[in-house]
Amino acid sequence: MSFNNAWMLHFLWLLSFVAAGLIISGRLRTNRLNRIAEPELLERITGKPRPGVRFFKGALIIVVLALLITALSGPRWGSHYQEVSQKGVDIVLCVDVSPSMLASDVKPDRLEQAKREITDFIKVVQGDRVGLVAFSGDAFLECPLTLDYAALQMFLGQIEPGLIPVPGTNLGAAIDKSVEAFDYKTATDKVILLVTDGEDNEGKGKEAAEKAKAKGIKIYVFGIGATEGAPVPESEGGGFAKDESGNMVLSKLDETGLEKIASITGGGYVRAAAGDLDLDMLYFAGIKAHTKASGLKSGKIKVYEDRFTIFLAAAIILMLIERMLKERGKLPGFNKGK
């Protein structure tokens, strides 16, 4: 036997308190009745007490509660095998981890907000294989395409500025590495989801987008940051980065360039707003609406039979029995003379 919600079984220990409560309440009720009238008169009015029935009713209440708790825990036994198939598209999340992603024009900073958005995105993906590429001046595959979203979330939590030793923002390398991450033995639709503040320092993003288009890959871009720019924090010292002339470096969201990269492949562009649902909207209105899900995984899984109805039915029957039992019986000849 196994349980869907085994944690519910911890409530069984509370039954001892329920039993104590029933005993105390029974004694208090008896004392109150005894204060009202003498025992003989009380029996003439309410009937003769039946201690055995009272005990049995209390025991039934305890058993009913135990059965209800067990039913809520989702007991399962017995099983059968079921044929299942999973359909979806292949998506490579390509995340910018350059120092400019530490700019705080988006709170708490661009990278942290991007990771929050991606976390929400992972929660809504519907059977898609998802991979993760991190990039700065170069790009590396952090997590290959997988249906294990928990593992993907673990890799996402580890990306940060400094992960890529080469400085800069090379969108060309990012797209090229994402293209390499796909499995071309499958006929699934392929999508790159590029999350960046949009500064293509190497100027190779559009060229890489053309290569992706030739392979039938769509690029959707999630721009994060302010178009007017924001200062870039230094990794050490707590100040802001400055150029060779001593002027503060401002990181600006290049929406025009990002929109061009997306349009080359027939994808789309969305800019991060104040909420946490922008990436979800891009997924449903963009990726899912313009791609076709294909078979990614099939096979047989072992399905356990839910048996909570047995415990629920037993609880209902015992409740009905408990309601029919009377704690006091009529004295012989009580109604004579009427």
C-alpha atoms as a PDB file:
ATOM      1  CA  MET A   1       0.000   0.000   0.000  1.00  0.00           C
ATOM      2  CA  SER A   2       1.121   3.558  -0.717  1.00  0.00           C
ATOM      3  CA  PHE A   3      -0.392   6.999  -0.171  1.00  0.00           C
ATOM      4  CA  ASN A   4      -0.774  10.082  -2.384  1.00  0.00           C
ATOM      5  CA  ASN A   5      -0.796  12.394   0.630  1.00  0.00           C
ATOM      6  CA  ALA A   6       1.025  10.415   3.287  1.00  0.00           C
ATOM      7  CA  TRP A   7       1.513  13.560   5.401  1.00  0.00           C
ATOM      8  CA  MET A   8      -2.197  13.465   6.240  1.00  0.00           C
ATOM      9  CA  LEU A   9      -1.575  10.349   8.360  1.00  0.00           C
ATOM     10  CA  HIS A  10       0.202  12.542  10.923  1.00  0.00           C
ATOM     11  CA  PHE A  11      -3.243  13.778  11.982  1.00  0.00           C
ATOM     12  CA  LEU A  12      -4.078  10.318  13.348  1.00  0.00           C
ATOM     13  CA  TRP A  13      -2.250  11.108  16.579  1.00  0.00           C
ATOM     14  CA  LEU A  14      -4.865  13.811  17.234  1.00  0.00           C
ATOM     15  CA  LEU A  15      -7.452  11.063  17.747  1.00  0.00           C
ATOM     16  CA  SER A  16      -6.181  10.550  21.284  1.00  0.00           C
ATOM     17  CA  PHE A  17      -7.196  14.131  22.083  1.00  0.00           C
ATOM     18  CA  VAL A  18     -10.592  13.555  20.467  1.00  0.00           C
ATOM     19  CA  ALA A  19     -11.083  10.448  22.651  1.00  0.00           C
ATOM     20  CA  ALA A  20     -10.150  12.405  25.775  1.00  0.00           C
ATOM     21  CA  GLY A  21     -12.539  15.154  24.733  1.00  0.00           C
ATOM     22  CA  LEU A  22     -15.406  12.692  24.309  1.00  0.00           C
ATOM     23  CA  ILE A  23     -14.784  11.200  27.759  1.00  0.00           C
ATOM     24  CA  ILE A  24     -14.638  14.621  29.436  1.00  0.00           C
ATOM     25  CA  SER A  25     -17.717  15.948  27.610  1.00  0.00           C
ATOM     26  CA  GLY A  26     -19.667  12.783  28.565  1.00  0.00           C
ATOM     27  CA  ARG A  27     -18.835  13.187  32.231  1.00  0.00           C
ATOM     28  CA  LEU A  28     -19.676  16.890  32.192  1.00  0.00           C
ATOM     29  CA  ARG A  29     -23.035  16.143  30.601  1.00  0.00           C
ATOM     30  CA  THR A  30     -23.797  13.483  33.217  1.00  0.00           C
ATOM     31  CA  ASN A  31     -22.919  15.892  36.024  1.00  0.00           C
ATOM     32  CA  ARG A  32     -25.160  18.581  34.569  1.00  0.00           C
ATOM     33  CA  LEU A  33     -28.084  16.159  34.315  1.00  0.00           C
ATOM     34  CA  ASN A  34     -27.537  14.958  37.883  1.00  0.00           C
ATOM     35  CA  ARG A  35     -27.758  18.552  39.105  1.00  0.00           C
ATOM     36  CA  ILE A  36     -31.102  18.970  37.387  1.00  0.00           C
ATOM     37  CA  ALA A  37     -32.924  16.039  39.040  1.00  0.00           C
ATOM     38  CA  GLU A  38     -32.492  12.908  41.127  1.00  0.00           C
ATOM     39  CA  PRO A  39     -31.235   9.858  39.154  1.00  0.00           C
ATOM     40  CA  GLU A  40     -34.572   7.992  39.502  1.00  0.00           C
ATOM     41  CA  LEU A  41     -36.573  10.982  38.284  1.00  0.00           C
ATOM     42  CA  LEU A  42     -34.078  11.578  35.521  1.00  0.00           C
ATOM     43  CA  GLU A  43     -34.515   7.998  34.321  1.00  0.00           C
ATOM     44  CA  ARG A  44     -38.298   8.500  34.279  1.00  0.00           C
ATOM     45  CA  ILE A  45     -37.810  11.632  32.121  1.00  0.00           C
ATOM     46  CA  THR A  46     -34.980  10.705  29.775  1.00  0.00           C
ATOM     47  CA  GLY A  47     -34.762   6.946  30.012  1.00  0.00           C
ATOM     48  CA  LYS A  48     -32.329   4.564  31.575  1.00  0.00           C
ATOM     49  CA  PRO A  49     -28.618   5.213  30.766  1.00  0.00           C
ATOM     50  CA  ARG A  50     -26.878   2.657  28.564  1.00  0.00           C
ATOM     51  CA  PRO A  51     -23.121   3.057  29.339  1.00  0.00           C
ATOM     52  CA  GLY A  52     -22.138   0.334  26.902  1.00  0.00           C
ATOM     53  CA  VAL A  53     -23.902   2.116  24.028  1.00  0.00           C
ATOM     54  CA  ARG A  54     -22.313   5.443  24.973  1.00  0.00           C
ATOM     55  CA  PHE A  55     -18.857   3.847  24.907  1.00  0.00           C
ATOM     56  CA  PHE A  56     -19.612   2.160  21.579  1.00  0.00           C
ATOM     57  CA  LYS A  57     -20.799   5.455  20.030  1.00  0.00           C
ATOM     58  CA  GLY A  58     -17.599   7.152  21.155  1.00  0.00           C
ATOM     59  CA  ALA A  59     -15.519   4.354  19.679  1.00  0.00           C
ATOM     60  CA  LEU A  60     -17.432   4.652  16.390  1.00  0.00           C
ATOM     61  CA  ILE A  61     -16.691   8.393  16.222  1.00  0.00           C
ATOM     62  CA  ILE A  62     -12.968   7.709  16.663  1.00  0.00           C
ATOM     63  CA  VAL A  63     -13.023   5.011  13.975  1.00  0.00           C
ATOM     64  CA  VAL A  64     -14.959   7.281  11.571  1.00  0.00           C
ATOM     65  CA  LEU A  65     -12.397  10.077  11.994  1.00  0.00           C
ATOM     66  CA  ALA A  66      -9.548   7.591  11.454  1.00  0.00           C
ATOM     67  CA  LEU A  67     -11.210   6.356   8.255  1.00  0.00           C
ATOM     68  CA  LEU A  68     -11.737   9.907   6.970  1.00  0.00           C
ATOM     69  CA  ILE A  69      -8.110  10.837   7.621  1.00  0.00           C
ATOM     70  CA  THR A  70      -6.967   7.654   5.872  1.00  0.00           C
ATOM     71  CA  ALA A  71      -9.223   8.448   2.889  1.00  0.00           C
ATOM     72  CA  LEU A  72      -7.756  11.974   2.656  1.00  0.00           C
ATOM     73  CA  SER A  73      -4.244  10.493   2.654  1.00  0.00           C
ATOM     74  CA  GLY A  74      -5.034   8.831  -0.703  1.00  0.00           C
ATOM     75  CA  PRO A  75      -4.456   5.121  -0.067  1.00  0.00           C
ATOM     76  CA  ARG A  76      -3.473   3.101  -3.150  1.00  0.00           C
ATOM     77  CA  TRP A  77      -2.884  -0.565  -3.812  1.00  0.00           C
ATOM     78  CA  GLY A  78      -3.047  -2.678  -6.899  1.00  0.00           C
ATOM     79  CA  SER A  79      -1.816  -1.300 -10.220  1.00  0.00           C
ATOM     80  CA  HIS A  80      -2.020  -1.505 -13.981  1.00  0.00           C
ATOM     81  CA  TYR A  81       0.162  -0.316 -16.842  1.00  0.00           C
ATOM     82  CA  GLN A  82      -1.021   2.547 -19.027  1.00  0.00           C
ATOM     83  CA  GLU A  83       0.295   3.631 -22.411  1.00  0.00           C
ATOM     84  CA  VAL A  84       1.254   7.324 -22.375  1.00  0.00           C
ATOM     85  CA  SER A  85       2.755   9.747 -24.859  1.00  0.00           C
ATOM     86  CA  GLN A  86       4.086  13.246 -24.338  1.00  0.00           C
ATOM     87  CA  LYS A  87       3.989  15.988 -26.943  1.00  0.00           C
ATOM     88  CA  GLY A  88       5.682  19.334 -27.045  1.00  0.00           C
ATOM     89  CA  VAL A  89       8.346  21.473 -28.694  1.00  0.00           C
ATOM     90  CA  ASP A  90      12.056  21.882 -27.990  1.00  0.00           C
ATOM     91  CA  ILE A  91      12.942  25.171 -26.282  1.00  0.00           C
ATOM     92  CA  VAL A  92      16.423  26.415 -25.420  1.00  0.00           C
ATOM     93  CA  LEU A  93      16.474  29.172 -22.811  1.00  0.00           C
ATOM     94  CA  CYS A  94      19.410  31.420 -23.646  1.00  0.00           C
ATOM     95  CA  VAL A  95      20.117  33.692 -20.663  1.00  0.00           C
ATOM     96  CA  ASP A  96      22.402  36.718 -20.586  1.00  0.00           C
ATOM     97  CA  VAL A  97      24.720  36.675 -17.539  1.00  0.00           C
ATOM     98  CA  SER A  98      26.905  39.622 -18.523  1.00  0.00           C
ATOM     99  CA  PRO A  99      27.722  42.256 -15.856  1.00  0.00           C
ATOM    100  CA  SER A 100      25.153  44.628 -17.363  1.00  0.00           C
ATOM    101  CA  MET A 101      22.438  42.237 -16.156  1.00  0.00           C
ATOM    102  CA  LEU A 102      23.208  43.455 -12.615  1.00  0.00           C
ATOM    103  CA  ALA A 103      21.786  46.896 -13.428  1.00  0.00           C
ATOM    104  CA  SER A 104      18.957  47.711 -11.025  1.00  0.00           C
ATOM    105  CA  ASP A 105      16.591  49.591 -13.352  1.00  0.00           C
ATOM    106  CA  VAL A 106      14.512  46.406 -12.966  1.00  0.00           C
ATOM    107  CA  LYS A 107      14.184  45.442  -9.314  1.00  0.00           C
ATOM    108  CA  PRO A 108      16.023  43.817  -7.646  1.00  0.00           C
ATOM    109  CA  ASP A 109      18.228  43.631 -10.746  1.00  0.00           C
ATOM    110  CA  ARG A 110      17.857  42.506 -14.345  1.00  0.00           C
ATOM    111  CA  LEU A 111      19.254  39.007 -13.876  1.00  0.00           C
ATOM    112  CA  GLU A 112      17.278  38.241 -10.720  1.00  0.00           C
ATOM    113  CA  GLN A 113      14.054  39.417 -12.355  1.00  0.00           C
ATOM    114  CA  ALA A 114      14.863  37.299 -15.423  1.00  0.00           C
ATOM    115  CA  LYS A 115      15.381  34.226 -13.229  1.00  0.00           C
ATOM    116  CA  ARG A 116      12.035  34.841 -11.511  1.00  0.00           C
ATOM    117  CA  GLU A 117      10.303  35.113 -14.868  1.00  0.00           C
ATOM    118  CA  ILE A 118      11.960  31.905 -16.078  1.00  0.00           C
ATOM    119  CA  THR A 119      10.929  30.109 -12.875  1.00  0.00           C
ATOM    120  CA  ASP A 120       7.303  31.032 -13.597  1.00  0.00           C
ATOM    121  CA  PHE A 121       7.827  29.961 -17.210  1.00  0.00           C
ATOM    122  CA  ILE A 122       9.079  26.522 -16.139  1.00  0.00           C
ATOM    123  CA  LYS A 123       5.910  26.052 -14.071  1.00  0.00           C
ATOM    124  CA  VAL A 124       3.633  26.467 -17.122  1.00  0.00           C
ATOM    125  CA  VAL A 125       5.516  24.626 -19.875  1.00  0.00           C
ATOM    126  CA  GLN A 126       3.315  21.849 -21.213  1.00  0.00           C
ATOM    127  CA  GLY A 127       5.330  18.747 -22.066  1.00  0.00           C
ATOM    128  CA  ASP A 128       8.122  20.650 -23.808  1.00  0.00           C
ATOM    129  CA  ARG A 129      11.768  19.728 -23.587  1.00  0.00           C
ATOM    130  CA  VAL A 130      13.716  22.703 -22.266  1.00  0.00           C
ATOM    131  CA  GLY A 131      17.450  23.360 -22.218  1.00  0.00           C
ATOM    132  CA  LEU A 132      19.563  26.177 -20.761  1.00  0.00           C
ATOM    133  CA  VAL A 133      22.418  28.176 -22.298  1.00  0.00           C
ATOM    134  CA  ALA A 134      24.210  30.941 -20.385  1.00  0.00           C
ATOM    135  CA  PHE A 135      26.177  33.569 -22.268  1.00  0.00           C
ATOM    136  CA  SER A 136      28.264  36.671 -21.864  1.00  0.00           C
ATOM    137  CA  GLY A 137      31.264  37.252 -24.155  1.00  0.00           C
ATOM    138  CA  ASP A 138      30.991  33.527 -24.935  1.00  0.00           C
ATOM    139  CA  ALA A 139      28.243  30.928 -24.454  1.00  0.00           C
ATOM    140  CA  PHE A 140      28.051  27.557 -22.714  1.00  0.00           C
ATOM    141  CA  LEU A 141      25.396  24.859 -22.525  1.00  0.00           C
ATOM    142  CA  GLU A 142      24.419  24.576 -18.863  1.00  0.00           C
ATOM    143  CA  CYS A 143      21.588  22.024 -19.197  1.00  0.00           C
ATOM    144  CA  PRO A 144      20.749  19.934 -22.289  1.00  0.00           C
ATOM    145  CA  LEU A 145      17.157  19.529 -23.466  1.00  0.00           C
ATOM    146  CA  THR A 146      15.199  17.747 -20.762  1.00  0.00           C
ATOM    147  CA  LEU A 147      11.741  17.027 -19.412  1.00  0.00           C
ATOM    148  CA  ASP A 148      13.151  17.095 -15.888  1.00  0.00           C
ATOM    149  CA  TYR A 149      12.119  20.616 -14.928  1.00  0.00           C
ATOM    150  CA  ALA A 150      13.431  20.239 -11.383  1.00  0.00           C
ATOM    151  CA  ALA A 151      16.942  19.667 -12.731  1.00  0.00           C
ATOM    152  CA  LEU A 152      16.530  22.625 -15.076  1.00  0.00           C
ATOM    153  CA  GLN A 153      15.499  24.807 -12.131  1.00  0.00           C
ATOM    154  CA  MET A 154      18.619  23.701 -10.246  1.00  0.00           C
ATOM    155  CA  PHE A 155      20.897  24.803 -13.108  1.00  0.00           C
ATOM    156  CA  LEU A 156      18.987  28.087 -13.421  1.00  0.00           C
ATOM    157  CA  GLY A 157      19.660  28.863  -9.765  1.00  0.00           C
ATOM    158  CA  GLN A 158      23.414  28.540 -10.345  1.00  0.00           C
ATOM    159  CA  ILE A 159      23.816  31.029 -13.192  1.00  0.00           C
ATOM    160  CA  GLU A 160      25.238  34.417 -12.245  1.00  0.00           C
ATOM    161  CA  PRO A 161      27.605  37.086 -13.587  1.00  0.00           C
ATOM    162  CA  GLY A 162      31.134  35.714 -13.575  1.00  0.00           C
ATOM    163  CA  LEU A 163      29.972  32.262 -14.650  1.00  0.00           C
ATOM    164  CA  ILE A 164      31.309  32.998 -18.152  1.00  0.00           C
ATOM    165  CA  PRO A 165      34.958  34.128 -17.934  1.00  0.00           C
ATOM    166  CA  VAL A 166      34.828  36.093 -21.209  1.00  0.00           C
ATOM    167  CA  PRO A 167      33.367  39.606 -20.699  1.00  0.00           C
ATOM    168  CA  GLY A 168      30.911  41.274 -23.052  1.00  0.00           C
ATOM    169  CA  THR A 169      27.565  40.354 -24.605  1.00  0.00           C
ATOM    170  CA  ASN A 170      27.951  38.144 -27.671  1.00  0.00           C
ATOM    171  CA  LEU A 171      24.445  37.455 -29.009  1.00  0.00           C
ATOM    172  CA  GLY A 172      25.929  35.667 -32.008  1.00  0.00           C
ATOM    173  CA  ALA A 173      27.728  33.101 -29.839  1.00  0.00           C
ATOM    174  CA  ALA A 174      24.613  32.748 -27.690  1.00  0.00           C
ATOM    175  CA  ILE A 175      22.388  31.909 -30.662  1.00  0.00           C
ATOM    176  CA  ASP A 176      24.989  29.618 -32.247  1.00  0.00           C
ATOM    177  CA  LYS A 177      25.411  27.631 -29.018  1.00  0.00           C
ATOM    178  CA  SER A 178      21.628  27.354 -28.672  1.00  0.00           C
ATOM    179  CA  VAL A 179      21.346  26.059 -32.235  1.00  0.00           C
ATOM    180  CA  GLU A 180      23.915  23.362 -31.407  1.00  0.00           C
ATOM    181  CA  ALA A 181      21.863  22.261 -28.384  1.00  0.00           C
ATOM    182  CA  PHE A 182      18.952  20.926 -30.452  1.00  0.00           C
ATOM    183  CA  ASP A 183      18.421  17.299 -31.392  1.00  0.00           C
ATOM    184  CA  TYR A 184      17.996  17.295 -35.165  1.00  0.00           C
ATOM    185  CA  LYS A 185      17.070  13.602 -35.261  1.00  0.00           C
ATOM    186  CA  THR A 186      13.582  14.562 -34.110  1.00  0.00           C
ATOM    187  CA  ALA A 187      11.021  16.478 -36.160  1.00  0.00           C
ATOM    188  CA  THR A 188       9.911  18.677 -33.270  1.00  0.00           C
ATOM    189  CA  ASP A 189       9.539  22.421 -33.723  1.00  0.00           C
ATOM    190  CA  LYS A 190      12.539  24.225 -32.274  1.00  0.00           C
ATOM    191  CA  VAL A 191      12.566  27.536 -30.421  1.00  0.00           C
ATOM    192  CA  ILE A 192      15.267  29.707 -28.875  1.00  0.00           C
ATOM    193  CA  LEU A 193      14.051  31.938 -26.052  1.00  0.00           C
ATOM    194  CA  LEU A 194      16.650  34.672 -25.731  1.00  0.00           C
ATOM    195  CA  VAL A 195      16.611  36.573 -22.413  1.00  0.00           C
ATOM    196  CA  THR A 196      18.893  39.606 -22.552  1.00  0.00           C
ATOM    197  CA  ASP A 197      19.297  43.347 -22.044  1.00  0.00           C
ATOM    198  CA  GLY A 198      20.030  43.584 -25.741  1.00  0.00           C
ATOM    199  CA  GLU A 199      23.520  44.994 -26.119  1.00  0.00           C
ATOM    200  CA  ASP A 200      25.129  42.998 -28.931  1.00  0.00           C
ATOM    201  CA  ASN A 201      28.730  44.089 -28.369  1.00  0.00           C
ATOM    202  CA  GLU A 202      30.074  41.845 -31.147  1.00  0.00           C
ATOM    203  CA  GLY A 203      27.337  42.742 -33.667  1.00  0.00           C
ATOM    204  CA  LYS A 204      26.849  39.127 -34.785  1.00  0.00           C
ATOM    205  CA  GLY A 205      23.331  38.521 -33.505  1.00  0.00           C
ATOM    206  CA  LYS A 206      21.535  39.085 -36.819  1.00  0.00           C
ATOM    207  CA  GLU A 207      23.997  36.871 -38.703  1.00  0.00           C
ATOM    208  CA  ALA A 208      23.447  34.030 -36.220  1.00  0.00           C
ATOM    209  CA  ALA A 209      19.676  34.551 -36.486  1.00  0.00           C
ATOM    210  CA  GLU A 210      19.899  33.977 -40.243  1.00  0.00           C
ATOM    211  CA  LYS A 211      21.661  30.647 -39.584  1.00  0.00           C
ATOM    212  CA  ALA A 212      18.971  29.665 -37.103  1.00  0.00           C
ATOM    213  CA  LYS A 213      16.272  30.534 -39.641  1.00  0.00           C
ATOM    214  CA  ALA A 214      17.930  28.250 -42.201  1.00  0.00           C
ATOM    215  CA  LYS A 215      17.508  25.364 -39.746  1.00  0.00           C
ATOM    216  CA  GLY A 216      13.845  26.185 -39.158  1.00  0.00           C
ATOM    217  CA  ILE A 217      14.424  27.567 -35.664  1.00  0.00           C
ATOM    218  CA  LYS A 218      12.312  30.440 -34.345  1.00  0.00           C
ATOM    219  CA  ILE A 219      13.836  32.969 -31.958  1.00  0.00           C
ATOM    220  CA  TYR A 220      11.682  34.675 -29.345  1.00  0.00           C
ATOM    221  CA  VAL A 221      13.318  37.486 -27.427  1.00  0.00           C
ATOM    222  CA  PHE A 222      12.564  38.655 -23.909  1.00  0.00           C
ATOM    223  CA  GLY A 223      14.132  42.073 -23.440  1.00  0.00           C
ATOM    224  CA  ILE A 224      14.830  43.206 -19.911  1.00  0.00           C
ATOM    225  CA  GLY A 225      15.977  46.658 -18.822  1.00  0.00           C
ATOM    226  CA  ALA A 226      15.324  50.332 -19.577  1.00  0.00           C
ATOM    227  CA  THR A 227      15.833  51.925 -22.999  1.00  0.00           C
ATOM    228  CA  GLU A 228      17.204  55.088 -21.349  1.00  0.00           C
ATOM    229  CA  GLY A 229      19.933  53.007 -19.726  1.00  0.00           C
ATOM    230  CA  ALA A 230      21.136  52.258 -16.217  1.00  0.00           C
ATOM    231  CA  PRO A 231      24.579  52.232 -14.548  1.00  0.00           C
ATOM    232  CA  VAL A 232      26.341  48.886 -14.309  1.00  0.00           C
ATOM    233  CA  PRO A 233      27.512  47.915 -10.800  1.00  0.00           C
ATOM    234  CA  GLU A 234      31.118  46.879 -10.426  1.00  0.00           C
ATOM    235  CA  SER A 235      31.718  43.353  -9.150  1.00  0.00           C
ATOM    236  CA  GLU A 236      33.980  44.750  -6.427  1.00  0.00           C
ATOM    237  CA  GLY A 237      34.001  48.029  -4.518  1.00  0.00           C
ATOM    238  CA  GLY A 238      30.278  48.718  -4.613  1.00  0.00           C
ATOM    239  CA  GLY A 239      30.587  51.508  -7.213  1.00  0.00           C
ATOM    240  CA  PHE A 240      29.594  51.700 -10.867  1.00  0.00           C
ATOM    241  CA  ALA A 241      31.616  50.813 -13.957  1.00  0.00           C
ATOM    242  CA  LYS A 242      33.279  53.665 -15.856  1.00  0.00           C
ATOM    243  CA  ASP A 243      34.825  53.900 -19.298  1.00  0.00           C
ATOM    244  CA  GLU A 244      38.394  54.952 -20.119  1.00  0.00           C
ATOM    245  CA  SER A 245      37.375  58.621 -19.983  1.00  0.00           C
ATOM    246  CA  GLY A 246      35.978  58.224 -16.481  1.00  0.00           C
ATOM    247  CA  ASN A 247      32.351  58.446 -17.586  1.00  0.00           C
ATOM    248  CA  MET A 248      29.792  56.147 -16.021  1.00  0.00           C
ATOM    249  CA  VAL A 249      28.876  53.212 -18.269  1.00  0.00           C
ATOM    250  CA  LEU A 250      25.152  53.018 -19.028  1.00  0.00           C
ATOM    251  CA  SER A 251      23.580  49.765 -20.206  1.00  0.00           C
ATOM    252  CA  LYS A 252      20.634  50.424 -22.542  1.00  0.00           C
ATOM    253  CA  LEU A 253      18.038  47.974 -23.819  1.00  0.00           C
ATOM    254  CA  ASP A 254      18.435  47.812 -27.603  1.00  0.00           C
ATOM    255  CA  GLU A 255      14.836  46.992 -28.524  1.00  0.00           C
ATOM    256  CA  THR A 256      15.314  47.730 -32.218  1.00  0.00           C
ATOM    257  CA  GLY A 257      18.124  45.199 -32.558  1.00  0.00           C
ATOM    258  CA  LEU A 258      16.290  42.545 -30.555  1.00  0.00           C
ATOM    259  CA  GLU A 259      13.085  42.973 -32.563  1.00  0.00           C
ATOM    260  CA  LYS A 260      15.114  42.551 -35.756  1.00  0.00           C
ATOM    261  CA  ILE A 261      16.679  39.291 -34.500  1.00  0.00           C
ATOM    262  CA  ALA A 262      13.245  37.920 -33.634  1.00  0.00           C
ATOM    263  CA  SER A 263      11.624  38.989 -36.908  1.00  0.00           C
ATOM    264  CA  ILE A 264      14.350  37.342 -39.020  1.00  0.00           C
ATOM    265  CA  THR A 265      13.223  33.901 -37.810  1.00  0.00           C
ATOM    266  CA  GLY A 266       9.497  34.641 -37.618  1.00  0.00           C
ATOM    267  CA  GLY A 267       9.583  34.797 -33.839  1.00  0.00           C
ATOM    268  CA  GLY A 268       8.519  37.583 -31.503  1.00  0.00           C
ATOM    269  CA  TYR A 269       9.718  40.134 -28.996  1.00  0.00           C
ATOM    270  CA  VAL A 270       8.404  41.082 -25.552  1.00  0.00           C
ATOM    271  CA  ARG A 271       9.817  43.588 -23.099  1.00  0.00           C
ATOM    272  CA  ALA A 272       9.739  42.797 -19.381  1.00  0.00           C
ATOM    273  CA  ALA A 273       7.241  44.910 -17.472  1.00  0.00           C
ATOM    274  CA  ALA A 274       6.557  45.243 -13.752  1.00  0.00           C
ATOM    275  CA  GLY A 275       4.757  41.919 -13.398  1.00  0.00           C
ATOM    276  CA  ASP A 276       5.993  38.335 -13.397  1.00  0.00           C
ATOM    277  CA  LEU A 277       3.762  37.016 -16.185  1.00  0.00           C
ATOM    278  CA  ASP A 278       5.392  38.549 -19.273  1.00  0.00           C
ATOM    279  CA  LEU A 279       7.344  35.421 -20.151  1.00  0.00           C
ATOM    280  CA  ASP A 280       4.238  33.293 -19.614  1.00  0.00           C
ATOM    281  CA  MET A 281       2.362  35.463 -22.118  1.00  0.00           C
ATOM    282  CA  LEU A 282       5.191  35.107 -24.618  1.00  0.00           C
ATOM    283  CA  TYR A 283       4.994  31.330 -24.159  1.00  0.00           C
ATOM    284  CA  PHE A 284       1.242  30.984 -24.697  1.00  0.00           C
ATOM    285  CA  ALA A 285       0.610  33.799 -27.213  1.00  0.00           C
ATOM    286  CA  GLY A 286       3.866  33.297 -29.084  1.00  0.00           C
ATOM    287  CA  ILE A 287       5.579  29.934 -28.795  1.00  0.00           C
ATOM    288  CA  LYS A 288       2.550  27.661 -28.273  1.00  0.00           C
ATOM    289  CA  ALA A 289       0.393  29.582 -30.724  1.00  0.00           C
ATOM    290  CA  HIS A 290       2.917  29.390 -33.577  1.00  0.00           C
ATOM    291  CA  THR A 291       4.496  25.977 -33.130  1.00  0.00           C
ATOM    292  CA  LYS A 292       3.187  22.449 -33.457  1.00  0.00           C
ATOM    293  CA  ALA A 293       3.655  19.964 -30.633  1.00  0.00           C
ATOM    294  CA  SER A 294       5.196  16.659 -31.694  1.00  0.00           C
ATOM    295  CA  GLY A 295       5.725  13.367 -29.895  1.00  0.00           C
ATOM    296  CA  LEU A 296       8.684  13.603 -27.535  1.00  0.00           C
ATOM    297  CA  LYS A 297       8.245  10.586 -25.300  1.00  0.00           C
ATOM    298  CA  SER A 298       6.058   7.522 -25.158  1.00  0.00           C
ATOM    299  CA  GLY A 299       5.876   4.332 -23.184  1.00  0.00           C
ATOM    300  CA  LYS A 300       4.065   2.567 -20.382  1.00  0.00           C
ATOM    301  CA  ILE A 301       3.766   3.814 -16.850  1.00  0.00           C
ATOM    302  CA  LYS A 302       2.623   1.979 -13.746  1.00  0.00           C
ATOM    303  CA  VAL A 303      -0.623   3.469 -12.428  1.00  0.00           C
ATOM    304  CA  TYR A 304      -1.710   2.617  -8.887  1.00  0.00           C
ATOM    305  CA  GLU A 305      -5.404   2.181  -8.098  1.00  0.00           C
ATOM    306  CA  ASP A 306      -6.895   4.760  -5.739  1.00  0.00           C
ATOM    307  CA  ARG A 307      -8.777   3.096  -2.878  1.00  0.00           C
ATOM    308  CA  PHE A 308      -9.933   6.080  -0.827  1.00  0.00           C
ATOM    309  CA  THR A 309     -13.585   5.365  -1.679  1.00  0.00           C
ATOM    310  CA  ILE A 310     -13.474   2.166   0.414  1.00  0.00           C
ATOM    311  CA  PHE A 311     -12.489   4.118   3.527  1.00  0.00           C
ATOM    312  CA  LEU A 312     -14.949   6.898   2.742  1.00  0.00           C
ATOM    313  CA  ALA A 313     -17.853   4.454   2.301  1.00  0.00           C
ATOM    314  CA  ALA A 314     -16.968   2.662   5.560  1.00  0.00           C
ATOM    315  CA  ALA A 315     -16.882   6.011   7.389  1.00  0.00           C
ATOM    316  CA  ILE A 316     -20.345   6.954   6.078  1.00  0.00           C
ATOM    317  CA  ILE A 317     -21.848   3.603   7.095  1.00  0.00           C
ATOM    318  CA  LEU A 318     -20.396   3.810  10.604  1.00  0.00           C
ATOM    319  CA  MET A 319     -21.636   7.405  10.944  1.00  0.00           C
ATOM    320  CA  LEU A 320     -25.167   6.275  10.130  1.00  0.00           C
ATOM    321  CA  ILE A 321     -24.912   3.448  12.687  1.00  0.00           C
ATOM    322  CA  GLU A 322     -23.648   5.888  15.322  1.00  0.00           C
ATOM    323  CA  ARG A 323     -26.599   8.217  14.691  1.00  0.00           C
ATOM    324  CA  MET A 324     -29.124   5.384  15.109  1.00  0.00           C
ATOM    325  CA  LEU A 325     -27.811   4.238  18.485  1.00  0.00           C
ATOM    326  CA  LYS A 326     -29.535   5.718  21.558  1.00  0.00           C
ATOM    327  CA  GLU A 327     -27.597   6.337  24.779  1.00  0.00           C
ATOM    328  CA  ARG A 328     -30.719   6.043  26.935  1.00  0.00           C
ATOM    329  CA  GLY A 329     -33.541   3.520  26.794  1.00  0.00           C
ATOM    330  CA  LYS A 330     -37.176   3.767  27.949  1.00  0.00           C
ATOM    331  CA  LEU A 331     -38.126   2.214  31.276  1.00  0.00           C
ATOM    332  CA  PRO A 332     -40.570  -0.689  30.992  1.00  0.00           C
ATOM    333  CA  GLY A 333     -44.110   0.611  31.355  1.00  0.00           C
ATOM    334  CA  PHE A 334     -43.043   4.284  31.109  1.00  0.00           C
ATOM    335  CA  ASN A 335     -45.905   5.160  28.773  1.00  0.00           C
ATOM    336  CA  LYS A 336     -48.577   3.192  30.707  1.00  0.00           C
ATOM    337  CA  GLY A 337     -51.464   5.244  31.881  1.00  0.00           C
ATOM    338  CA  LYS A 338     -51.517   7.473  28.859  1.00  0.00           C
END
